[in-house]
Amino acid sequence: MGHASEGPEGDAVTIVLFHSMYGLRPAVHAAADRLRAAGHEVHVPDLYDGRTTTDAEEGMRIKDEIGKDELLRRAVTAAAPLSDRGLVYAGFSLGGSVAQNLALGDERCRGLLLLHGTSDIADDAATDIPVQLHVADPDPFEPDDWLNAWYLRMRKAGADVEVHRYRGAGHLYTDPELPDYDAEAAERTWAIALDFLREL
């Protein structure tokens, strides 16, 4: 007998949730606990080897020091042992970019949940996964021109895309310990995201 999260039957899914450029902070664990409380199995890889910060410049410095290729390598190493379950990839900001890269390269992927971040899409990308993006409106890191192009390219790749925008929220508005935090937007985001996961 397998667990419900191992196959398409049942409502539970296995989620790999990637942290933002601030590292694997308490808000990421709190988000994972919220998803677990809804019945999902959640893995939260630490791409920064234990380093965390609440300072944006320091977060950028750590991210650049490790480098994009190494961050992706660490993410793949964390997700690969689980991928035969049909993963849902999810992430915050930088972690959303990482999650998108992995999801588009995993033919067993069941869904992609992006919080505050996207990534570029190869011209030949092809996927039929459901994708849900939650983003501040406006967001200095995800400007309108970029988001419009991202949406069109995701649709062209074959994804079923939903975009939810939160007017007046800060960029990383789901983290209670950061200045961007917006409690109302965060609660709306989680309610919509949990519905999305329930339907996968």
Protein backbone atom coordinates (compact mmCIF):
# COMPACT_ATOMS: atom_id res chain seq x y z
CA MET A 1 0.00 0.00 0.00
CA GLY A 2 1.39 3.37 -1.01
CA HIS A 3 0.80 6.72 0.59
CA ALA A 4 -1.80 8.98 -0.97
CA SER A 5 0.93 11.45 -1.87
CA GLU A 6 2.73 8.90 -4.05
CA GLY A 7 0.19 8.68 -6.82
CA PRO A 8 -2.51 10.63 -8.60
CA GLU A 9 -5.21 9.25 -6.31
CA GLY A 10 -6.18 11.30 -3.28
CA ASP A 11 -5.81 15.02 -2.74
CA ALA A 12 -2.29 15.08 -1.28
CA VAL A 13 0.72 15.96 -3.39
CA THR A 14 4.47 16.01 -2.75
CA ILE A 15 5.81 19.56 -2.87
CA VAL A 16 9.39 20.79 -3.09
CA LEU A 17 9.40 24.37 -1.77
CA PHE A 18 12.43 26.57 -2.49
CA HIS A 19 13.42 29.55 -0.35
CA SER A 20 14.05 33.12 -1.53
CA MET A 21 17.40 34.91 -1.70
CA TYR A 22 17.07 35.42 2.07
CA GLY A 23 17.69 31.72 2.67
CA LEU A 24 15.72 29.05 4.50
CA ARG A 25 14.12 31.41 7.00
CA PRO A 26 11.30 30.76 9.52
CA ALA A 27 8.64 31.98 7.05
CA VAL A 28 9.57 29.16 4.65
CA HIS A 29 9.18 26.55 7.41
CA ALA A 30 5.88 28.18 8.43
CA ALA A 31 4.65 27.98 4.82
CA ALA A 32 5.70 24.32 4.63
CA ASP A 33 3.81 23.62 7.89
CA ARG A 34 0.72 25.30 6.46
CA LEU A 35 0.90 23.06 3.38
CA ARG A 36 1.48 19.98 5.54
CA ALA A 37 -1.55 20.87 7.65
CA ALA A 38 -3.57 20.62 4.41
CA GLY A 39 -2.29 17.05 4.01
CA HIS A 40 0.62 17.55 1.62
CA GLU A 41 4.15 16.20 1.95
CA VAL A 42 6.57 19.13 1.79
CA HIS A 43 10.34 19.22 1.36
CA VAL A 44 12.28 22.47 1.91
CA PRO A 45 15.82 22.17 0.53
CA ASP A 46 18.45 24.56 1.89
CA LEU A 47 20.29 25.93 -1.14
CA TYR A 48 22.42 28.22 1.05
CA ASP A 49 23.94 25.62 3.42
CA GLY A 50 22.43 27.16 6.53
CA ARG A 51 23.00 30.84 5.75
CA THR A 52 20.02 33.18 6.17
CA THR A 53 19.55 36.95 6.29
CA THR A 54 16.84 39.61 6.48
CA ASP A 55 19.01 42.08 4.55
CA ALA A 56 18.36 42.26 0.80
CA GLU A 57 21.93 43.24 -0.11
CA GLU A 58 23.35 40.38 1.95
CA GLY A 59 20.87 37.99 0.31
CA MET A 60 21.98 39.13 -3.14
CA ARG A 61 25.61 38.71 -2.13
CA ILE A 62 25.09 35.11 -0.96
CA LYS A 63 23.09 34.29 -4.10
CA ASP A 64 25.78 35.72 -6.40
CA GLU A 65 28.59 34.08 -4.43
CA ILE A 66 27.02 30.63 -4.88
CA GLY A 67 26.01 31.37 -8.47
CA LYS A 68 22.94 30.44 -10.51
CA ASP A 69 24.35 27.20 -11.89
CA GLU A 70 25.35 25.88 -8.47
CA LEU A 71 21.99 26.87 -6.96
CA LEU A 72 20.22 24.92 -9.71
CA ARG A 73 22.57 21.96 -9.23
CA ARG A 74 21.76 21.90 -5.50
CA ALA A 75 18.04 22.16 -6.25
CA VAL A 76 18.13 19.28 -8.74
CA THR A 77 20.12 17.16 -6.27
CA ALA A 78 17.44 17.77 -3.62
CA ALA A 79 14.45 17.13 -5.90
CA ALA A 80 15.73 14.24 -8.05
CA PRO A 81 15.21 11.45 -5.46
CA LEU A 82 11.55 12.47 -5.15
CA SER A 83 10.71 13.14 -8.80
CA ASP A 84 9.16 9.74 -9.54
CA ARG A 85 6.25 10.77 -7.29
CA GLY A 86 5.17 13.50 -9.68
CA LEU A 87 6.24 16.61 -7.80
CA VAL A 88 4.70 20.01 -7.43
CA TYR A 89 7.50 22.58 -7.53
CA ALA A 90 7.03 25.77 -5.54
CA GLY A 91 9.20 28.67 -4.46
CA PHE A 92 9.48 32.20 -3.13
CA SER A 93 11.06 34.85 -5.41
CA LEU A 94 14.51 33.38 -6.27
CA GLY A 95 13.02 30.02 -5.26
CA GLY A 96 10.22 30.54 -7.76
CA SER A 97 12.80 30.97 -10.50
CA VAL A 98 14.51 27.75 -9.38
CA ALA A 99 11.18 25.90 -9.13
CA GLN A 100 10.16 26.98 -12.64
CA ASN A 101 13.46 25.75 -14.11
CA LEU A 102 13.05 22.35 -12.47
CA ALA A 103 9.36 22.00 -13.31
CA LEU A 104 9.91 22.66 -17.01
CA GLY A 105 12.64 20.03 -17.06
CA ASP A 106 10.68 17.31 -15.24
CA GLU A 107 8.22 15.41 -17.40
CA ARG A 108 6.56 13.90 -14.31
CA CYS A 109 5.87 17.32 -12.75
CA ARG A 110 2.25 17.80 -11.60
CA GLY A 111 2.21 21.55 -11.05
CA LEU A 112 4.13 24.76 -10.42
CA LEU A 113 3.31 27.26 -7.65
CA LEU A 114 5.23 30.53 -7.94
CA LEU A 115 5.27 33.09 -5.13
CA HIS A 116 6.84 36.47 -5.98
CA GLY A 117 9.10 35.17 -8.72
CA THR A 118 9.42 33.77 -12.25
CA SER A 119 12.22 32.79 -14.59
CA ASP A 120 12.86 33.10 -18.31
CA ILE A 121 11.49 30.38 -20.57
CA ALA A 122 13.31 28.69 -23.45
CA ASP A 123 11.73 29.18 -26.87
CA ASP A 124 11.35 25.41 -27.28
CA ALA A 125 9.87 24.80 -23.82
CA ALA A 126 6.90 22.45 -23.81
CA THR A 127 4.74 21.53 -20.83
CA ASP A 128 1.08 20.96 -20.02
CA ILE A 129 1.33 21.58 -16.28
CA PRO A 130 -0.93 23.91 -14.32
CA VAL A 131 0.96 27.01 -13.17
CA GLN A 132 -0.15 29.53 -10.55
CA LEU A 133 1.73 32.79 -9.92
CA HIS A 134 1.17 35.16 -7.00
CA VAL A 135 2.87 38.53 -7.34
CA ALA A 136 2.71 42.07 -5.95
CA ASP A 137 1.21 44.77 -8.17
CA PRO A 138 3.41 46.59 -9.00
CA ASP A 139 6.53 44.53 -8.24
CA PRO A 140 9.93 46.11 -8.98
CA PHE A 141 11.46 42.66 -9.51
CA GLU A 142 8.64 41.43 -11.79
CA PRO A 143 7.70 44.45 -13.97
CA ASP A 144 4.55 44.42 -16.10
CA ASP A 145 6.36 44.06 -19.44
CA TRP A 146 8.26 41.06 -18.12
CA LEU A 147 5.15 39.44 -16.62
CA ASN A 148 3.15 39.89 -19.83
CA ALA A 149 5.94 38.28 -21.87
CA TRP A 150 6.34 35.52 -19.28
CA TYR A 151 2.61 34.76 -19.37
CA LEU A 152 2.52 34.57 -23.17
CA ARG A 153 5.58 32.33 -23.32
CA MET A 154 4.19 30.01 -20.64
CA ARG A 155 0.94 29.72 -22.60
CA LYS A 156 2.89 29.11 -25.81
CA ALA A 157 4.76 26.29 -24.05
CA GLY A 158 1.37 24.70 -23.30
CA ALA A 159 1.00 25.47 -19.59
CA ASP A 160 -2.35 26.28 -17.98
CA VAL A 161 -1.47 29.60 -16.31
CA GLU A 162 -3.19 31.65 -13.58
CA VAL A 163 -1.75 34.96 -12.38
CA HIS A 164 -2.94 36.56 -9.13
CA ARG A 165 -1.79 40.11 -8.41
CA TYR A 166 -1.91 41.96 -5.09
CA ARG A 167 -2.11 45.72 -5.42
CA GLY A 168 -0.04 47.64 -2.89
CA ALA A 169 1.73 44.60 -1.42
CA GLY A 170 5.53 44.53 -1.14
CA HIS A 171 7.61 42.13 -3.25
CA LEU A 172 7.97 39.30 -0.69
CA TYR A 173 4.68 40.01 1.06
CA THR A 174 4.19 36.51 2.55
CA ASP A 175 7.13 36.76 5.00
CA PRO A 176 5.95 38.22 8.34
CA GLU A 177 9.49 39.24 9.35
CA LEU A 178 10.25 41.33 6.27
CA PRO A 179 9.16 44.95 5.61
CA ASP A 180 7.26 43.78 2.48
CA TYR A 181 4.78 41.81 4.59
CA ASP A 182 1.07 42.27 3.85
CA ALA A 183 -1.08 40.06 6.07
CA GLU A 184 -4.25 40.36 3.99
CA ALA A 185 -2.48 39.61 0.70
CA ALA A 186 -0.63 36.70 2.32
CA GLU A 187 -3.84 35.10 3.61
CA ARG A 188 -5.53 35.49 0.21
CA THR A 189 -2.50 33.96 -1.47
CA TRP A 190 -2.50 30.88 0.76
CA ALA A 191 -6.24 30.34 0.39
CA ILE A 192 -5.97 30.41 -3.43
CA ALA A 193 -2.78 28.33 -3.46
CA LEU A 194 -4.32 25.61 -1.25
CA ASP A 195 -7.30 25.39 -3.62
CA PHE A 196 -4.88 25.06 -6.55
CA LEU A 197 -2.99 22.22 -4.84
CA ARG A 198 -6.23 20.47 -3.88
CA GLU A 199 -7.28 20.30 -7.52
CA LEU A 200 -4.02 18.85 -8.89
